[in-house]
Amino acid sequence: MSEFPEKRITSEQRPVDRGNRVVDTGYRPVVRDDRRMSAGAIVALVLAAVAAAIAITMLVMNGRQKTNDELKQDEARTAAAEQPSAQPPQQAPPIVVPQSQPTPAIPPPSEPANAVQPTSIQLEIDVNSKLLDDQDLRLYPIDVKVSGGTATLSGHVPTVSLKKRAEILTRSVKDIKAVVNNIVVRAE
């Protein structure tokens, strides 16, 4: 709020012997209110901003939770596959095939003719997309090269768990058959 002095001149007739007019000059402060928005409008804007921030945070946390759950499942599968089985391998029962006339060898059915194998460049793009989608791995430059279905990873990360996560994410890309993990763990 601003205060402005305002000059006020009043003139009035007073019964005096001479009948002259009396002029009274004085300055009184006048308060002017220059508000542009009401308090209710400001409160509504603040509440809308808070609600938008909460909604965005919930969406981000939901996406991160799904990614972490998938990584935990992949790590559990990898750990289970790496552990030697406690049971001795069972020997397959012998199969007796009666001799008969030789039959022509039929090659095993291959993939459908209309299925196209992705190129190495497409596989590199898919792996890079997976790595960049990860909140923690996107902070570190990881180079990906794919040749014949084998992905080679190189770069630097600060922890062994990030190195392992990059390998798990790479294995999750369809048509990646093997991963060579040359990522160096270097504390920052």
C-alpha atoms as a PDB file:
ATOM      1  CA  MET A   1       0.000   0.000   0.000  1.00  0.00           C
ATOM      2  CA  SER A   2       1.190   3.491  -0.753  1.00  0.00           C
ATOM      3  CA  GLU A   3       0.586   6.766   1.026  1.00  0.00           C
ATOM      4  CA  PHE A   4       0.191   9.915  -0.992  1.00  0.00           C
ATOM      5  CA  PRO A   5      -0.257  13.366   0.499  1.00  0.00           C
ATOM      6  CA  GLU A   6      -3.233  15.121  -0.948  1.00  0.00           C
ATOM      7  CA  LYS A   7      -3.839  18.815  -0.783  1.00  0.00           C
ATOM      8  CA  ARG A   8      -7.314  19.641   0.314  1.00  0.00           C
ATOM      9  CA  ILE A   9      -8.779  23.052   0.075  1.00  0.00           C
ATOM     10  CA  THR A  10     -12.041  23.785   1.765  1.00  0.00           C
ATOM     11  CA  SER A  11     -13.917  26.939   1.687  1.00  0.00           C
ATOM     12  CA  GLU A  12     -16.885  27.757   3.816  1.00  0.00           C
ATOM     13  CA  GLN A  13     -18.913  30.734   4.831  1.00  0.00           C
ATOM     14  CA  ARG A  14     -18.635  31.757   8.451  1.00  0.00           C
ATOM     15  CA  PRO A  15     -20.636  34.471   9.985  1.00  0.00           C
ATOM     16  CA  VAL A  16     -18.047  37.151  10.586  1.00  0.00           C
ATOM     17  CA  ASP A  17     -18.485  40.833  10.763  1.00  0.00           C
ATOM     18  CA  ARG A  18     -16.849  41.440   7.479  1.00  0.00           C
ATOM     19  CA  GLY A  19     -18.346  38.524   5.552  1.00  0.00           C
ATOM     20  CA  ASN A  20     -15.016  37.299   4.208  1.00  0.00           C
ATOM     21  CA  ARG A  21     -14.509  33.782   3.136  1.00  0.00           C
ATOM     22  CA  VAL A  22     -12.149  31.646   5.213  1.00  0.00           C
ATOM     23  CA  VAL A  23      -9.863  29.260   3.336  1.00  0.00           C
ATOM     24  CA  ASP A  24      -8.498  26.273   5.259  1.00  0.00           C
ATOM     25  CA  THR A  25      -5.517  24.498   3.631  1.00  0.00           C
ATOM     26  CA  GLY A  26      -4.277  21.205   5.070  1.00  0.00           C
ATOM     27  CA  TYR A  27      -2.579  18.003   4.027  1.00  0.00           C
ATOM     28  CA  ARG A  28      -4.058  14.659   4.943  1.00  0.00           C
ATOM     29  CA  PRO A  29      -2.597  11.268   4.036  1.00  0.00           C
ATOM     30  CA  VAL A  30      -4.706   9.251   1.668  1.00  0.00           C
ATOM     31  CA  VAL A  31      -4.165   5.479   1.516  1.00  0.00           C
ATOM     32  CA  ARG A  32      -4.478   3.844  -1.871  1.00  0.00           C
ATOM     33  CA  ASP A  33      -4.537   0.083  -2.392  1.00  0.00           C
ATOM     34  CA  ASP A  34      -2.839  -1.108  -5.620  1.00  0.00           C
ATOM     35  CA  ARG A  35      -3.437  -4.853  -5.312  1.00  0.00           C
ATOM     36  CA  ARG A  36      -3.497  -6.691  -8.588  1.00  0.00           C
ATOM     37  CA  MET A  37      -4.637 -10.134  -7.343  1.00  0.00           C
ATOM     38  CA  SER A  38      -6.831 -11.038  -4.453  1.00  0.00           C
ATOM     39  CA  ALA A  39      -5.492 -13.202  -1.639  1.00  0.00           C
ATOM     40  CA  GLY A  40      -7.919 -15.954  -2.632  1.00  0.00           C
ATOM     41  CA  ALA A  41      -6.476 -16.085  -6.154  1.00  0.00           C
ATOM     42  CA  ILE A  42      -2.925 -16.342  -4.794  1.00  0.00           C
ATOM     43  CA  VAL A  43      -3.920 -19.164  -2.420  1.00  0.00           C
ATOM     44  CA  ALA A  44      -5.612 -21.016  -5.295  1.00  0.00           C
ATOM     45  CA  LEU A  45      -2.458 -20.729  -7.454  1.00  0.00           C
ATOM     46  CA  VAL A  46      -0.217 -21.987  -4.642  1.00  0.00           C
ATOM     47  CA  LEU A  47      -2.518 -24.972  -3.973  1.00  0.00           C
ATOM     48  CA  ALA A  48      -2.613 -25.834  -7.686  1.00  0.00           C
ATOM     49  CA  ALA A  49       1.201 -25.727  -7.876  1.00  0.00           C
ATOM     50  CA  VAL A  50       1.533 -27.989  -4.818  1.00  0.00           C
ATOM     51  CA  ALA A  51      -0.997 -30.462  -6.236  1.00  0.00           C
ATOM     52  CA  ALA A  52       0.859 -30.561  -9.581  1.00  0.00           C
ATOM     53  CA  ALA A  53       4.190 -31.163  -7.823  1.00  0.00           C
ATOM     54  CA  ILE A  54       2.702 -34.023  -5.788  1.00  0.00           C
ATOM     55  CA  ALA A  55       1.173 -35.617  -8.890  1.00  0.00           C
ATOM     56  CA  ILE A  56       4.480 -35.455 -10.798  1.00  0.00           C
ATOM     57  CA  THR A  57       6.398 -36.885  -7.837  1.00  0.00           C
ATOM     58  CA  MET A  58       3.948 -39.787  -7.545  1.00  0.00           C
ATOM     59  CA  LEU A  59       4.281 -40.584 -11.267  1.00  0.00           C
ATOM     60  CA  VAL A  60       8.090 -40.533 -11.084  1.00  0.00           C
ATOM     61  CA  MET A  61       8.176 -42.717  -7.971  1.00  0.00           C
ATOM     62  CA  ASN A  62       5.745 -45.223  -9.519  1.00  0.00           C
ATOM     63  CA  GLY A  63       7.944 -45.549 -12.617  1.00  0.00           C
ATOM     64  CA  ARG A  64      11.078 -45.936 -10.495  1.00  0.00           C
ATOM     65  CA  GLN A  65       9.393 -48.620  -8.357  1.00  0.00           C
ATOM     66  CA  LYS A  66       8.550 -50.702 -11.422  1.00  0.00           C
ATOM     67  CA  THR A  67      12.129 -50.472 -12.681  1.00  0.00           C
ATOM     68  CA  ASN A  68      13.555 -51.488  -9.288  1.00  0.00           C
ATOM     69  CA  ASP A  69      11.162 -54.452  -9.051  1.00  0.00           C
ATOM     70  CA  GLU A  70      12.200 -55.662 -12.514  1.00  0.00           C
ATOM     71  CA  LEU A  71      15.891 -55.355 -11.600  1.00  0.00           C
ATOM     72  CA  LYS A  72      15.392 -57.303  -8.371  1.00  0.00           C
ATOM     73  CA  GLN A  73      13.631 -60.090 -10.271  1.00  0.00           C
ATOM     74  CA  ASP A  74      16.422 -60.200 -12.867  1.00  0.00           C
ATOM     75  CA  GLU A  75      19.093 -60.271 -10.149  1.00  0.00           C
ATOM     76  CA  ALA A  76      17.263 -63.121  -8.387  1.00  0.00           C
ATOM     77  CA  ARG A  77      17.062 -65.093 -11.657  1.00  0.00           C
ATOM     78  CA  THR A  78      20.752 -64.492 -12.367  1.00  0.00           C
ATOM     79  CA  ALA A  79      21.758 -65.532  -8.847  1.00  0.00           C
ATOM     80  CA  ALA A  80      19.642 -68.683  -9.090  1.00  0.00           C
ATOM     81  CA  ALA A  81      21.161 -69.558 -12.466  1.00  0.00           C
ATOM     82  CA  GLU A  82      24.722 -69.062 -11.197  1.00  0.00           C
ATOM     83  CA  GLN A  83      24.311 -71.284  -8.124  1.00  0.00           C
ATOM     84  CA  PRO A  84      25.251 -74.894  -8.734  1.00  0.00           C
ATOM     85  CA  SER A  85      22.308 -77.196  -8.289  1.00  0.00           C
ATOM     86  CA  ALA A  86      22.437 -79.331  -5.140  1.00  0.00           C
ATOM     87  CA  GLN A  87      21.020 -82.405  -6.876  1.00  0.00           C
ATOM     88  CA  PRO A  88      23.343 -84.549  -8.955  1.00  0.00           C
ATOM     89  CA  PRO A  89      22.507 -84.437 -12.629  1.00  0.00           C
ATOM     90  CA  GLN A  90      20.176 -87.223 -13.599  1.00  0.00           C
ATOM     91  CA  GLN A  91      21.114 -89.426 -16.445  1.00  0.00           C
ATOM     92  CA  ALA A  92      18.655 -89.504 -19.274  1.00  0.00           C
ATOM     93  CA  PRO A  93      17.082 -92.929 -19.869  1.00  0.00           C
ATOM     94  CA  PRO A  94      18.432 -94.723 -22.916  1.00  0.00           C
ATOM     95  CA  ILE A  95      16.249 -94.542 -25.999  1.00  0.00           C
ATOM     96  CA  VAL A  96      15.986 -97.603 -28.167  1.00  0.00           C
ATOM     97  CA  VAL A  97      15.119 -96.906 -31.766  1.00  0.00           C
ATOM     98  CA  PRO A  98      14.174 -99.871 -33.920  1.00  0.00           C
ATOM     99  CA  GLN A  99      16.022-100.024 -37.201  1.00  0.00           C
ATOM    100  CA  SER A 100      13.929 -99.285 -40.177  1.00  0.00           C
ATOM    101  CA  GLN A 101      14.358 -97.836 -43.578  1.00  0.00           C
ATOM    102  CA  PRO A 102      16.312 -94.603 -43.580  1.00  0.00           C
ATOM    103  CA  THR A 103      14.128 -91.554 -43.775  1.00  0.00           C
ATOM    104  CA  PRO A 104      15.248 -88.355 -45.389  1.00  0.00           C
ATOM    105  CA  ALA A 105      16.462 -85.819 -42.846  1.00  0.00           C
ATOM    106  CA  ILE A 106      14.091 -82.943 -42.418  1.00  0.00           C
ATOM    107  CA  PRO A 107      15.760 -79.794 -41.222  1.00  0.00           C
ATOM    108  CA  PRO A 108      14.287 -78.337 -38.038  1.00  0.00           C
ATOM    109  CA  PRO A 109      11.818 -75.571 -38.663  1.00  0.00           C
ATOM    110  CA  SER A 110      13.529 -72.229 -38.621  1.00  0.00           C
ATOM    111  CA  GLU A 111      11.991 -68.922 -37.785  1.00  0.00           C
ATOM    112  CA  PRO A 112       9.215 -67.724 -40.050  1.00  0.00           C
ATOM    113  CA  ALA A 113      10.377 -66.219 -43.303  1.00  0.00           C
ATOM    114  CA  ASN A 114       8.674 -62.923 -42.544  1.00  0.00           C
ATOM    115  CA  ALA A 115      10.526 -62.443 -39.209  1.00  0.00           C
ATOM    116  CA  VAL A 116      13.423 -60.031 -39.687  1.00  0.00           C
ATOM    117  CA  GLN A 117      16.418 -60.189 -37.384  1.00  0.00           C
ATOM    118  CA  PRO A 118      17.318 -56.779 -35.982  1.00  0.00           C
ATOM    119  CA  THR A 119      20.615 -55.312 -37.120  1.00  0.00           C
ATOM    120  CA  SER A 120      23.522 -54.689 -34.790  1.00  0.00           C
ATOM    121  CA  ILE A 121      22.820 -50.978 -34.986  1.00  0.00           C
ATOM    122  CA  GLN A 122      19.195 -51.513 -33.938  1.00  0.00           C
ATOM    123  CA  LEU A 123      20.313 -53.707 -31.027  1.00  0.00           C
ATOM    124  CA  GLU A 124      22.814 -50.997 -29.956  1.00  0.00           C
ATOM    125  CA  ILE A 125      19.999 -48.447 -29.995  1.00  0.00           C
ATOM    126  CA  ASP A 126      17.766 -50.757 -27.927  1.00  0.00           C
ATOM    127  CA  VAL A 127      20.500 -51.370 -25.331  1.00  0.00           C
ATOM    128  CA  ASN A 128      21.390 -47.668 -25.119  1.00  0.00           C
ATOM    129  CA  SER A 129      17.704 -46.846 -24.623  1.00  0.00           C
ATOM    130  CA  LYS A 130      17.475 -49.320 -21.735  1.00  0.00           C
ATOM    131  CA  LEU A 131      20.608 -47.894 -20.095  1.00  0.00           C
ATOM    132  CA  LEU A 132      19.449 -44.286 -20.516  1.00  0.00           C
ATOM    133  CA  ASP A 133      16.018 -45.121 -19.063  1.00  0.00           C
ATOM    134  CA  ASP A 134      17.699 -46.150 -15.801  1.00  0.00           C
ATOM    135  CA  GLN A 135      17.827 -43.214 -13.347  1.00  0.00           C
ATOM    136  CA  ASP A 136      21.286 -44.111 -11.974  1.00  0.00           C
ATOM    137  CA  LEU A 137      23.045 -45.418 -15.091  1.00  0.00           C
ATOM    138  CA  ARG A 138      22.136 -42.450 -17.287  1.00  0.00           C
ATOM    139  CA  LEU A 139      24.637 -40.383 -15.285  1.00  0.00           C
ATOM    140  CA  TYR A 140      27.624 -42.386 -16.595  1.00  0.00           C
ATOM    141  CA  PRO A 141      28.796 -42.728 -20.205  1.00  0.00           C
ATOM    142  CA  ILE A 142      28.587 -46.395 -21.193  1.00  0.00           C
ATOM    143  CA  ASP A 143      29.611 -47.373 -24.720  1.00  0.00           C
ATOM    144  CA  VAL A 144      27.688 -50.239 -26.355  1.00  0.00           C
ATOM    145  CA  LYS A 145      28.864 -52.243 -29.379  1.00  0.00           C
ATOM    146  CA  VAL A 146      26.883 -55.192 -30.741  1.00  0.00           C
ATOM    147  CA  SER A 147      28.189 -57.794 -33.157  1.00  0.00           C
ATOM    148  CA  GLY A 148      26.399 -61.048 -33.971  1.00  0.00           C
ATOM    149  CA  GLY A 149      24.088 -60.793 -30.957  1.00  0.00           C
ATOM    150  CA  THR A 150      26.973 -60.222 -28.519  1.00  0.00           C
ATOM    151  CA  ALA A 151      26.928 -56.858 -26.736  1.00  0.00           C
ATOM    152  CA  THR A 152      30.183 -55.374 -25.453  1.00  0.00           C
ATOM    153  CA  LEU A 153      29.871 -52.747 -22.717  1.00  0.00           C
ATOM    154  CA  SER A 154      32.652 -50.334 -21.817  1.00  0.00           C
ATOM    155  CA  GLY A 155      32.922 -47.222 -19.676  1.00  0.00           C
ATOM    156  CA  HIS A 156      33.249 -46.264 -16.011  1.00  0.00           C
ATOM    157  CA  VAL A 157      30.815 -46.503 -13.076  1.00  0.00           C
ATOM    158  CA  PRO A 158      31.421 -45.907  -9.352  1.00  0.00           C
ATOM    159  CA  THR A 159      30.013 -49.190  -7.965  1.00  0.00           C
ATOM    160  CA  VAL A 160      29.929 -52.897  -8.764  1.00  0.00           C
ATOM    161  CA  SER A 161      26.138 -52.907  -8.429  1.00  0.00           C
ATOM    162  CA  LEU A 162      25.833 -50.358 -11.263  1.00  0.00           C
ATOM    163  CA  LYS A 163      28.144 -52.487 -13.411  1.00  0.00           C
ATOM    164  CA  LYS A 164      25.953 -55.529 -12.724  1.00  0.00           C
ATOM    165  CA  ARG A 165      22.755 -53.534 -13.360  1.00  0.00           C
ATOM    166  CA  ALA A 166      24.069 -52.432 -16.772  1.00  0.00           C
ATOM    167  CA  GLU A 167      24.753 -56.071 -17.657  1.00  0.00           C
ATOM    168  CA  ILE A 168      21.296 -57.215 -16.491  1.00  0.00           C
ATOM    169  CA  LEU A 169      19.571 -54.472 -18.473  1.00  0.00           C
ATOM    170  CA  THR A 170      21.597 -55.383 -21.564  1.00  0.00           C
ATOM    171  CA  ARG A 171      20.660 -59.066 -21.257  1.00  0.00           C
ATOM    172  CA  SER A 172      16.994 -58.095 -21.064  1.00  0.00           C
ATOM    173  CA  VAL A 173      17.048 -56.757 -24.649  1.00  0.00           C
ATOM    174  CA  LYS A 174      15.544 -59.256 -27.090  1.00  0.00           C
ATOM    175  CA  ASP A 175      18.044 -60.916 -29.479  1.00  0.00           C
ATOM    176  CA  ILE A 176      21.077 -60.174 -27.248  1.00  0.00           C
ATOM    177  CA  LYS A 177      22.660 -63.602 -26.828  1.00  0.00           C
ATOM    178  CA  ALA A 178      25.744 -62.710 -24.772  1.00  0.00           C
ATOM    179  CA  VAL A 179      27.197 -59.739 -22.908  1.00  0.00           C
ATOM    180  CA  VAL A 180      30.867 -58.862 -22.515  1.00  0.00           C
ATOM    181  CA  ASN A 181      31.026 -56.459 -19.583  1.00  0.00           C
ATOM    182  CA  ASN A 182      34.222 -54.380 -19.819  1.00  0.00           C
ATOM    183  CA  ILE A 183      32.874 -51.612 -17.575  1.00  0.00           C
ATOM    184  CA  VAL A 184      35.527 -50.413 -15.096  1.00  0.00           C
ATOM    185  CA  VAL A 185      34.501 -49.681 -11.498  1.00  0.00           C
ATOM    186  CA  ARG A 186      36.184 -46.430 -10.483  1.00  0.00           C
ATOM    187  CA  ALA A 187      35.178 -44.574  -7.316  1.00  0.00           C
ATOM    188  CA  GLU A 188      34.586 -40.905  -7.937  1.00  0.00           C
END
